[in-house]
Amino acid sequence: MNRHNNDVSLELCLEHIIDSHNPIFDAFYKLYEDTFDPNVIEPKERYKMWISSTKNGKHPFPYVLVVGHSSSLPDKIISFTSGNYMPLLDENFKPTQRAIGAIGHTATLEELRRKGYGSRVLSYFETTAKKLTEERNKEFIGLVCEAENRSVGFWHKSGFKELEDVIYFQPPLIFDPNTGERQYDEVQENLVIKSYNAKKTLPKSLVRNIVRTMYEYWCVPKPDGYFGSGINGDLNNPVAYENARSYIHEVVFKKFENSLSKIPGGHIKLKSKI
């Protein structure tokens, strides 16, 4: 049996995974499976496709997977953060000269939590997202994440802030492949942001574009060939795509926008404390 002393710091190697044939990829997927609800787990092949399409320059919003591992635990990774580099979209869904790093998942081995490993890997994700932005000659405006109530404290400690009085919803992610009807309702979550351009407030227009970008890239089902030639899409026909996209942007986004309209002025306050 492999054992390690939880009181002894492990030497952490930080790595950006750009090839799914890397043996560390399998260790990442094992920690991912062990950590999250089986109902929301994406198939391993989908992650491989995201990594491959990013490597080949076909992914419109490149997938980013960074891990922390140690030679003391050869068959495991200690922590990972995954998400996407996203060019910020404007109100017409056109890419701008700004970009965000959107965090989808982060996890650390249960026995090694609260020791700073997760924070170091998260910081490396931020560094990687900034590098991708610089390579594309865009302005990096910060990190964003959908946070459950129980995790908000971690995000505050990591430099993220909540948007005061904003009601945010994660849209449904599964739609009937033939009709585009949602398979479950949107879920209220906390939108947390680590902004490089603001200390106390953010313009409403910027917040709208951040959420619009996340919804379009993450939530709207993708058609055939979106991630590269020969890669099948999520739904079976144009009507299904239109129904799904319309629900996300015309119903869920409007609910979010309605909460913005109730906030006076053109800026939203950032909450820096739990």
C-alpha atoms as a PDB file:
ATOM      1  CA  MET A   1       0.000   0.000   0.000  1.00  0.00           C
ATOM      2  CA  ASN A   2       1.300   3.443  -0.929  1.00  0.00           C
ATOM      3  CA  ARG A   3       1.232   5.876   1.972  1.00  0.00           C
ATOM      4  CA  HIS A   4       2.304   9.423   2.545  1.00  0.00           C
ATOM      5  CA  ASN A   5       2.473  11.690   5.561  1.00  0.00           C
ATOM      6  CA  ASN A   6      -0.118  14.443   5.202  1.00  0.00           C
ATOM      7  CA  ASP A   7       1.987  16.739   7.381  1.00  0.00           C
ATOM      8  CA  VAL A   8       4.921  16.677   4.958  1.00  0.00           C
ATOM      9  CA  SER A   9       4.819  19.054   1.991  1.00  0.00           C
ATOM     10  CA  LEU A  10       5.091  17.348  -1.371  1.00  0.00           C
ATOM     11  CA  GLU A  11       7.163  18.784  -4.168  1.00  0.00           C
ATOM     12  CA  LEU A  12       4.579  19.981  -6.671  1.00  0.00           C
ATOM     13  CA  CYS A  13       5.227  19.835 -10.411  1.00  0.00           C
ATOM     14  CA  LEU A  14       2.865  22.086 -12.390  1.00  0.00           C
ATOM     15  CA  GLU A  15       1.990  20.996 -15.920  1.00  0.00           C
ATOM     16  CA  HIS A  16      -0.261  22.218 -18.742  1.00  0.00           C
ATOM     17  CA  ILE A  17      -1.665  19.080 -20.401  1.00  0.00           C
ATOM     18  CA  ILE A  18      -1.741  19.551 -24.172  1.00  0.00           C
ATOM     19  CA  ASP A  19      -1.806  15.882 -25.235  1.00  0.00           C
ATOM     20  CA  SER A  20      -4.354  13.323 -24.033  1.00  0.00           C
ATOM     21  CA  HIS A  21      -1.756  10.566 -24.562  1.00  0.00           C
ATOM     22  CA  ASN A  22       0.149  12.019 -21.628  1.00  0.00           C
ATOM     23  CA  PRO A  23      -0.193   9.382 -18.854  1.00  0.00           C
ATOM     24  CA  ILE A  24      -1.057  12.171 -16.421  1.00  0.00           C
ATOM     25  CA  PHE A  25      -4.310  12.675 -18.355  1.00  0.00           C
ATOM     26  CA  ASP A  26      -5.676   9.371 -17.037  1.00  0.00           C
ATOM     27  CA  ALA A  27      -4.772  10.376 -13.466  1.00  0.00           C
ATOM     28  CA  PHE A  28      -6.608  13.672 -14.009  1.00  0.00           C
ATOM     29  CA  TYR A  29      -9.729  11.904 -15.241  1.00  0.00           C
ATOM     30  CA  LYS A  30      -9.676   9.528 -12.252  1.00  0.00           C
ATOM     31  CA  LEU A  31      -9.632  12.468  -9.798  1.00  0.00           C
ATOM     32  CA  TYR A  32     -12.355  14.193 -11.835  1.00  0.00           C
ATOM     33  CA  GLU A  33     -14.549  11.067 -11.697  1.00  0.00           C
ATOM     34  CA  ASP A  34     -13.923  10.575  -7.971  1.00  0.00           C
ATOM     35  CA  THR A  35     -14.778  14.184  -7.119  1.00  0.00           C
ATOM     36  CA  PHE A  36     -17.874  15.153  -9.069  1.00  0.00           C
ATOM     37  CA  ASP A  37     -21.454  13.912  -9.298  1.00  0.00           C
ATOM     38  CA  PRO A  38     -21.688  11.057 -11.848  1.00  0.00           C
ATOM     39  CA  ASN A  39     -24.698  12.821 -13.393  1.00  0.00           C
ATOM     40  CA  VAL A  40     -22.516  15.722 -14.573  1.00  0.00           C
ATOM     41  CA  ILE A  41     -19.392  13.800 -15.590  1.00  0.00           C
ATOM     42  CA  GLU A  42     -18.376  14.302 -19.224  1.00  0.00           C
ATOM     43  CA  PRO A  43     -17.086  11.201 -21.077  1.00  0.00           C
ATOM     44  CA  LYS A  44     -13.318  10.787 -21.246  1.00  0.00           C
ATOM     45  CA  GLU A  45     -13.447  10.836 -25.048  1.00  0.00           C
ATOM     46  CA  ARG A  46     -14.960  14.318 -24.981  1.00  0.00           C
ATOM     47  CA  TYR A  47     -12.033  15.632 -22.956  1.00  0.00           C
ATOM     48  CA  LYS A  48      -9.635  13.978 -25.371  1.00  0.00           C
ATOM     49  CA  MET A  49     -11.453  15.650 -28.263  1.00  0.00           C
ATOM     50  CA  TRP A  50     -11.239  19.076 -26.560  1.00  0.00           C
ATOM     51  CA  ILE A  51      -7.509  18.660 -25.952  1.00  0.00           C
ATOM     52  CA  SER A  52      -6.897  17.433 -29.509  1.00  0.00           C
ATOM     53  CA  SER A  53      -8.911  20.218 -31.156  1.00  0.00           C
ATOM     54  CA  THR A  54      -7.118  22.801 -29.000  1.00  0.00           C
ATOM     55  CA  LYS A  55      -3.717  21.373 -29.944  1.00  0.00           C
ATOM     56  CA  ASN A  56      -4.686  21.438 -33.637  1.00  0.00           C
ATOM     57  CA  GLY A  57      -5.926  25.022 -33.448  1.00  0.00           C
ATOM     58  CA  LYS A  58      -9.545  24.016 -34.175  1.00  0.00           C
ATOM     59  CA  HIS A  59     -11.089  24.810 -30.787  1.00  0.00           C
ATOM     60  CA  PRO A  60     -12.802  28.253 -30.923  1.00  0.00           C
ATOM     61  CA  PHE A  61     -12.392  28.688 -27.152  1.00  0.00           C
ATOM     62  CA  PRO A  62      -9.287  26.605 -26.308  1.00  0.00           C
ATOM     63  CA  TYR A  63      -9.546  24.047 -23.545  1.00  0.00           C
ATOM     64  CA  VAL A  64      -7.067  24.511 -20.702  1.00  0.00           C
ATOM     65  CA  LEU A  65      -6.142  21.712 -18.290  1.00  0.00           C
ATOM     66  CA  VAL A  66      -3.415  22.277 -15.712  1.00  0.00           C
ATOM     67  CA  VAL A  67      -2.426  19.798 -13.011  1.00  0.00           C
ATOM     68  CA  GLY A  68      -0.147  19.533 -10.034  1.00  0.00           C
ATOM     69  CA  HIS A  69       1.571  16.199  -9.454  1.00  0.00           C
ATOM     70  CA  SER A  70       4.459  14.783  -7.440  1.00  0.00           C
ATOM     71  CA  SER A  71       6.951  11.962  -7.874  1.00  0.00           C
ATOM     72  CA  SER A  72       5.939  10.901  -4.358  1.00  0.00           C
ATOM     73  CA  LEU A  73       2.521   9.913  -5.747  1.00  0.00           C
ATOM     74  CA  PRO A  74       3.383   8.385  -9.136  1.00  0.00           C
ATOM     75  CA  ASP A  75      -0.101   7.092  -9.980  1.00  0.00           C
ATOM     76  CA  LYS A  76      -2.077  10.196  -9.013  1.00  0.00           C
ATOM     77  CA  ILE A  77      -2.299  13.904  -9.495  1.00  0.00           C
ATOM     78  CA  ILE A  78      -2.636  16.112  -6.441  1.00  0.00           C
ATOM     79  CA  SER A  79      -4.841  18.808  -7.951  1.00  0.00           C
ATOM     80  CA  PHE A  80      -6.205  20.124 -11.233  1.00  0.00           C
ATOM     81  CA  THR A  81      -8.002  23.131 -12.648  1.00  0.00           C
ATOM     82  CA  SER A  82      -9.684  23.004 -16.050  1.00  0.00           C
ATOM     83  CA  GLY A  83     -11.616  25.476 -18.142  1.00  0.00           C
ATOM     84  CA  ASN A  84     -11.297  27.588 -21.253  1.00  0.00           C
ATOM     85  CA  TYR A  85      -9.662  30.629 -22.735  1.00  0.00           C
ATOM     86  CA  MET A  86     -12.557  32.660 -24.185  1.00  0.00           C
ATOM     87  CA  PRO A  87     -12.410  35.677 -26.481  1.00  0.00           C
ATOM     88  CA  LEU A  88     -14.998  38.066 -25.048  1.00  0.00           C
ATOM     89  CA  LEU A  89     -18.080  38.466 -27.259  1.00  0.00           C
ATOM     90  CA  ASP A  90     -19.972  41.734 -27.726  1.00  0.00           C
ATOM     91  CA  GLU A  91     -23.754  42.209 -27.836  1.00  0.00           C
ATOM     92  CA  ASN A  92     -23.753  40.936 -31.452  1.00  0.00           C
ATOM     93  CA  PHE A  93     -21.740  37.827 -30.497  1.00  0.00           C
ATOM     94  CA  LYS A  94     -18.659  39.130 -32.293  1.00  0.00           C
ATOM     95  CA  PRO A  95     -15.212  38.502 -30.711  1.00  0.00           C
ATOM     96  CA  THR A  96     -13.594  41.591 -29.177  1.00  0.00           C
ATOM     97  CA  GLN A  97      -9.962  42.365 -28.326  1.00  0.00           C
ATOM     98  CA  ARG A  98     -10.545  41.211 -24.761  1.00  0.00           C
ATOM     99  CA  ALA A  99     -10.484  37.715 -23.266  1.00  0.00           C
ATOM    100  CA  ILE A 100     -11.322  35.830 -20.074  1.00  0.00           C
ATOM    101  CA  GLY A 101     -10.257  32.604 -18.427  1.00  0.00           C
ATOM    102  CA  ALA A 102     -13.396  30.608 -17.536  1.00  0.00           C
ATOM    103  CA  ILE A 103     -12.910  27.928 -14.875  1.00  0.00           C
ATOM    104  CA  GLY A 104     -15.056  24.828 -15.259  1.00  0.00           C
ATOM    105  CA  HIS A 105     -13.695  22.435 -12.639  1.00  0.00           C
ATOM    106  CA  THR A 106     -11.081  22.388  -9.918  1.00  0.00           C
ATOM    107  CA  ALA A 107     -10.342  19.595  -7.459  1.00  0.00           C
ATOM    108  CA  THR A 108      -7.679  18.369  -5.048  1.00  0.00           C
ATOM    109  CA  LEU A 109      -7.149  14.937  -3.510  1.00  0.00           C
ATOM    110  CA  GLU A 110      -9.315  14.862  -0.394  1.00  0.00           C
ATOM    111  CA  GLU A 111      -6.443  13.963   1.945  1.00  0.00           C
ATOM    112  CA  LEU A 112      -4.316  16.854   0.625  1.00  0.00           C
ATOM    113  CA  ARG A 113      -6.849  19.665   0.736  1.00  0.00           C
ATOM    114  CA  ARG A 114      -6.305  22.927   2.656  1.00  0.00           C
ATOM    115  CA  LYS A 115      -2.544  22.713   2.189  1.00  0.00           C
ATOM    116  CA  GLY A 116      -2.196  25.241  -0.619  1.00  0.00           C
ATOM    117  CA  TYR A 117      -1.825  22.783  -3.498  1.00  0.00           C
ATOM    118  CA  GLY A 118      -5.143  23.717  -5.102  1.00  0.00           C
ATOM    119  CA  SER A 119      -4.352  27.419  -4.878  1.00  0.00           C
ATOM    120  CA  ARG A 120      -1.012  26.905  -6.617  1.00  0.00           C
ATOM    121  CA  VAL A 121      -2.629  24.964  -9.456  1.00  0.00           C
ATOM    122  CA  LEU A 122      -5.353  27.609  -9.774  1.00  0.00           C
ATOM    123  CA  SER A 123      -2.661  30.277 -10.006  1.00  0.00           C
ATOM    124  CA  TYR A 124      -0.972  28.289 -12.774  1.00  0.00           C
ATOM    125  CA  PHE A 125      -4.281  28.135 -14.673  1.00  0.00           C
ATOM    126  CA  GLU A 126      -4.421  31.923 -14.446  1.00  0.00           C
ATOM    127  CA  THR A 127      -0.859  32.209 -15.748  1.00  0.00           C
ATOM    128  CA  THR A 128      -1.663  29.871 -18.644  1.00  0.00           C
ATOM    129  CA  ALA A 129      -4.839  31.783 -19.576  1.00  0.00           C
ATOM    130  CA  LYS A 130      -2.908  35.060 -19.550  1.00  0.00           C
ATOM    131  CA  LYS A 131      -0.219  33.549 -21.782  1.00  0.00           C
ATOM    132  CA  LEU A 132      -2.831  32.363 -24.303  1.00  0.00           C
ATOM    133  CA  THR A 133      -4.283  35.882 -24.317  1.00  0.00           C
ATOM    134  CA  GLU A 134      -0.899  37.505 -24.917  1.00  0.00           C
ATOM    135  CA  GLU A 135      -0.143  35.081 -27.751  1.00  0.00           C
ATOM    136  CA  ARG A 136      -3.331  36.281 -29.451  1.00  0.00           C
ATOM    137  CA  ASN A 137      -2.586  39.982 -28.837  1.00  0.00           C
ATOM    138  CA  LYS A 138      -5.687  40.453 -26.706  1.00  0.00           C
ATOM    139  CA  GLU A 139      -6.305  42.092 -23.334  1.00  0.00           C
ATOM    140  CA  PHE A 140      -6.774  39.673 -20.430  1.00  0.00           C
ATOM    141  CA  ILE A 141      -9.508  41.006 -18.152  1.00  0.00           C
ATOM    142  CA  GLY A 142      -9.630  38.228 -15.561  1.00  0.00           C
ATOM    143  CA  LEU A 143     -11.015  34.885 -14.445  1.00  0.00           C
ATOM    144  CA  VAL A 144     -14.644  33.851 -13.997  1.00  0.00           C
ATOM    145  CA  CYS A 145     -16.299  30.850 -12.396  1.00  0.00           C
ATOM    146  CA  GLU A 146     -19.737  29.477 -11.542  1.00  0.00           C
ATOM    147  CA  ALA A 147     -19.550  28.706  -7.817  1.00  0.00           C
ATOM    148  CA  GLU A 148     -21.832  26.668  -5.593  1.00  0.00           C
ATOM    149  CA  ASN A 149     -22.665  28.184  -2.194  1.00  0.00           C
ATOM    150  CA  ARG A 150     -20.381  25.787  -0.327  1.00  0.00           C
ATOM    151  CA  SER A 151     -17.333  26.799  -2.384  1.00  0.00           C
ATOM    152  CA  VAL A 152     -17.709  30.592  -2.288  1.00  0.00           C
ATOM    153  CA  GLY A 153     -15.294  30.883   0.653  1.00  0.00           C
ATOM    154  CA  PHE A 154     -12.509  29.214  -1.343  1.00  0.00           C
ATOM    155  CA  TRP A 155     -13.016  31.585  -4.253  1.00  0.00           C
ATOM    156  CA  HIS A 156     -12.926  34.644  -1.988  1.00  0.00           C
ATOM    157  CA  LYS A 157      -9.637  33.442  -0.508  1.00  0.00           C
ATOM    158  CA  SER A 158      -8.328  33.033  -4.055  1.00  0.00           C
ATOM    159  CA  GLY A 159      -9.006  36.678  -4.924  1.00  0.00           C
ATOM    160  CA  PHE A 160     -12.427  36.304  -6.548  1.00  0.00           C
ATOM    161  CA  LYS A 161     -15.407  38.528  -5.785  1.00  0.00           C
ATOM    162  CA  GLU A 162     -19.152  38.158  -6.098  1.00  0.00           C
ATOM    163  CA  LEU A 163     -21.430  40.549  -7.944  1.00  0.00           C
ATOM    164  CA  GLU A 164     -23.684  42.313  -5.464  1.00  0.00           C
ATOM    165  CA  ASP A 165     -27.442  41.861  -6.073  1.00  0.00           C
ATOM    166  CA  VAL A 166     -26.874  39.931  -9.316  1.00  0.00           C
ATOM    167  CA  ILE A 167     -28.888  36.733  -9.777  1.00  0.00           C
ATOM    168  CA  TYR A 168     -26.981  34.315 -11.996  1.00  0.00           C
ATOM    169  CA  PHE A 169     -28.211  31.064 -13.537  1.00  0.00           C
ATOM    170  CA  GLN A 170     -26.319  28.178 -15.084  1.00  0.00           C
ATOM    171  CA  PRO A 171     -28.359  27.236 -18.171  1.00  0.00           C
ATOM    172  CA  PRO A 172     -29.387  23.634 -18.826  1.00  0.00           C
ATOM    173  CA  LEU A 173     -26.601  21.737 -20.579  1.00  0.00           C
ATOM    174  CA  ILE A 174     -28.564  18.779 -21.947  1.00  0.00           C
ATOM    175  CA  PHE A 175     -31.187  19.122 -24.669  1.00  0.00           C
ATOM    176  CA  ASP A 176     -33.310  16.642 -26.569  1.00  0.00           C
ATOM    177  CA  PRO A 177     -31.252  15.888 -29.720  1.00  0.00           C
ATOM    178  CA  ASN A 178     -34.316  15.967 -31.983  1.00  0.00           C
ATOM    179  CA  THR A 179     -36.326  18.887 -30.581  1.00  0.00           C
ATOM    180  CA  GLY A 180     -33.812  20.992 -28.648  1.00  0.00           C
ATOM    181  CA  GLU A 181     -36.067  20.974 -25.590  1.00  0.00           C
ATOM    182  CA  ARG A 182     -34.182  21.316 -22.305  1.00  0.00           C
ATOM    183  CA  GLN A 183     -33.890  18.184 -20.149  1.00  0.00           C
ATOM    184  CA  TYR A 184     -33.821  20.152 -16.894  1.00  0.00           C
ATOM    185  CA  ASP A 185     -34.215  23.740 -15.739  1.00  0.00           C
ATOM    186  CA  GLU A 186     -31.522  26.337 -15.205  1.00  0.00           C
ATOM    187  CA  VAL A 187     -29.797  26.313 -11.799  1.00  0.00           C
ATOM    188  CA  GLN A 188     -29.055  29.397  -9.714  1.00  0.00           C
ATOM    189  CA  GLU A 189     -25.371  29.684  -8.847  1.00  0.00           C
ATOM    190  CA  ASN A 190     -22.897  32.369  -7.806  1.00  0.00           C
ATOM    191  CA  LEU A 191     -20.898  34.121 -10.492  1.00  0.00           C
ATOM    192  CA  VAL A 192     -17.456  34.966  -9.096  1.00  0.00           C
ATOM    193  CA  ILE A 193     -14.907  37.108 -10.883  1.00  0.00           C
ATOM    194  CA  LYS A 194     -11.248  37.952 -10.447  1.00  0.00           C
ATOM    195  CA  SER A 195     -10.949  41.173 -12.410  1.00  0.00           C
ATOM    196  CA  TYR A 196      -7.748  42.902 -13.491  1.00  0.00           C
ATOM    197  CA  ASN A 197      -9.492  46.150 -14.357  1.00  0.00           C
ATOM    198  CA  ALA A 198     -11.593  46.920 -11.301  1.00  0.00           C
ATOM    199  CA  LYS A 199     -11.364  46.935  -7.529  1.00  0.00           C
ATOM    200  CA  LYS A 200     -14.852  47.818  -6.352  1.00  0.00           C
ATOM    201  CA  THR A 201     -17.208  47.838  -9.368  1.00  0.00           C
ATOM    202  CA  LEU A 202     -17.624  46.495 -12.884  1.00  0.00           C
ATOM    203  CA  PRO A 203     -19.593  48.096 -15.739  1.00  0.00           C
ATOM    204  CA  LYS A 204     -22.924  46.404 -16.388  1.00  0.00           C
ATOM    205  CA  SER A 205     -22.066  46.221 -20.085  1.00  0.00           C
ATOM    206  CA  LEU A 206     -18.929  44.201 -19.309  1.00  0.00           C
ATOM    207  CA  VAL A 207     -20.784  41.815 -17.006  1.00  0.00           C
ATOM    208  CA  ARG A 208     -23.426  41.258 -19.701  1.00  0.00           C
ATOM    209  CA  ASN A 209     -20.737  40.392 -22.229  1.00  0.00           C
ATOM    210  CA  ILE A 210     -18.957  38.041 -19.821  1.00  0.00           C
ATOM    211  CA  VAL A 211     -22.153  36.071 -19.179  1.00  0.00           C
ATOM    212  CA  ARG A 212     -23.143  36.181 -22.860  1.00  0.00           C
ATOM    213  CA  THR A 213     -19.711  34.749 -23.711  1.00  0.00           C
ATOM    214  CA  MET A 214     -19.937  31.960 -21.138  1.00  0.00           C
ATOM    215  CA  TYR A 215     -23.433  30.993 -22.261  1.00  0.00           C
ATOM    216  CA  GLU A 216     -22.535  30.976 -25.960  1.00  0.00           C
ATOM    217  CA  TYR A 217     -19.321  28.990 -25.627  1.00  0.00           C
ATOM    218  CA  TRP A 218     -20.145  26.668 -22.763  1.00  0.00           C
ATOM    219  CA  CYS A 219     -23.881  26.099 -22.946  1.00  0.00           C
ATOM    220  CA  VAL A 220     -25.160  26.404 -26.519  1.00  0.00           C
ATOM    221  CA  PRO A 221     -25.005  22.963 -28.225  1.00  0.00           C
ATOM    222  CA  LYS A 222     -22.382  22.722 -30.956  1.00  0.00           C
ATOM    223  CA  PRO A 223     -23.076  21.644 -34.578  1.00  0.00           C
ATOM    224  CA  ASP A 224     -21.209  19.086 -36.673  1.00  0.00           C
ATOM    225  CA  GLY A 225     -17.624  20.109 -37.380  1.00  0.00           C
ATOM    226  CA  TYR A 226     -17.517  22.836 -34.738  1.00  0.00           C
ATOM    227  CA  PHE A 227     -14.405  21.331 -33.120  1.00  0.00           C
ATOM    228  CA  GLY A 228     -12.923  20.056 -36.369  1.00  0.00           C
ATOM    229  CA  SER A 229     -13.770  18.099 -39.505  1.00  0.00           C
ATOM    230  CA  GLY A 230     -15.533  14.806 -38.829  1.00  0.00           C
ATOM    231  CA  ILE A 231     -16.503  15.593 -35.247  1.00  0.00           C
ATOM    232  CA  ASN A 232     -20.216  15.107 -34.685  1.00  0.00           C
ATOM    233  CA  GLY A 233     -22.370  17.781 -33.091  1.00  0.00           C
ATOM    234  CA  ASP A 234     -24.628  17.609 -30.033  1.00  0.00           C
ATOM    235  CA  LEU A 235     -28.050  17.747 -31.727  1.00  0.00           C
ATOM    236  CA  ASN A 236     -29.605  16.241 -34.836  1.00  0.00           C
ATOM    237  CA  ASN A 237     -31.130  19.104 -36.814  1.00  0.00           C
ATOM    238  CA  PRO A 238     -31.131  22.922 -37.233  1.00  0.00           C
ATOM    239  CA  VAL A 239     -34.487  23.357 -35.492  1.00  0.00           C
ATOM    240  CA  ALA A 240     -33.188  21.630 -32.370  1.00  0.00           C
ATOM    241  CA  TYR A 241     -30.144  23.920 -32.322  1.00  0.00           C
ATOM    242  CA  GLU A 242     -32.269  27.020 -32.722  1.00  0.00           C
ATOM    243  CA  ASN A 243     -34.641  25.955 -29.937  1.00  0.00           C
ATOM    244  CA  ALA A 244     -31.799  25.248 -27.524  1.00  0.00           C
ATOM    245  CA  ARG A 245     -29.898  28.444 -28.313  1.00  0.00           C
ATOM    246  CA  SER A 246     -33.064  30.505 -28.071  1.00  0.00           C
ATOM    247  CA  TYR A 247     -33.874  29.123 -24.629  1.00  0.00           C
ATOM    248  CA  ILE A 248     -30.385  29.924 -23.339  1.00  0.00           C
ATOM    249  CA  HIS A 249     -30.186  33.472 -24.668  1.00  0.00           C
ATOM    250  CA  GLU A 250     -33.836  34.504 -24.742  1.00  0.00           C
ATOM    251  CA  VAL A 251     -35.006  32.938 -21.479  1.00  0.00           C
ATOM    252  CA  VAL A 252     -32.070  32.265 -19.132  1.00  0.00           C
ATOM    253  CA  PHE A 253     -29.995  35.272 -20.157  1.00  0.00           C
ATOM    254  CA  LYS A 254     -33.061  37.513 -19.882  1.00  0.00           C
ATOM    255  CA  LYS A 255     -33.613  36.318 -16.300  1.00  0.00           C
ATOM    256  CA  PHE A 256     -30.032  37.249 -15.466  1.00  0.00           C
ATOM    257  CA  GLU A 257     -30.406  40.583 -17.286  1.00  0.00           C
ATOM    258  CA  ASN A 258     -33.576  41.330 -15.333  1.00  0.00           C
ATOM    259  CA  SER A 259     -31.585  41.281 -12.086  1.00  0.00           C
ATOM    260  CA  LEU A 260     -29.112  43.763 -13.619  1.00  0.00           C
ATOM    261  CA  SER A 261     -31.920  46.128 -14.557  1.00  0.00           C
ATOM    262  CA  LYS A 262     -32.968  46.417 -10.911  1.00  0.00           C
ATOM    263  CA  ILE A 263     -29.512  47.700  -9.890  1.00  0.00           C
ATOM    264  CA  PRO A 264     -29.286  51.512 -10.127  1.00  0.00           C
ATOM    265  CA  GLY A 265     -26.619  53.098 -12.302  1.00  0.00           C
ATOM    266  CA  GLY A 266     -24.241  51.619 -14.831  1.00  0.00           C
ATOM    267  CA  HIS A 267     -21.939  49.683 -12.501  1.00  0.00           C
ATOM    268  CA  ILE A 268     -22.187  46.636 -10.229  1.00  0.00           C
ATOM    269  CA  LYS A 269     -20.502  46.477  -6.838  1.00  0.00           C
ATOM    270  CA  LEU A 270     -18.058  43.666  -6.146  1.00  0.00           C
ATOM    271  CA  LYS A 271     -18.364  41.879  -2.795  1.00  0.00           C
ATOM    272  CA  SER A 272     -14.952  41.183  -1.300  1.00  0.00           C
ATOM    273  CA  LYS A 273     -16.055  39.386   1.872  1.00  0.00           C
ATOM    274  CA  ILE A 274     -18.087  36.264   2.548  1.00  0.00           C
END
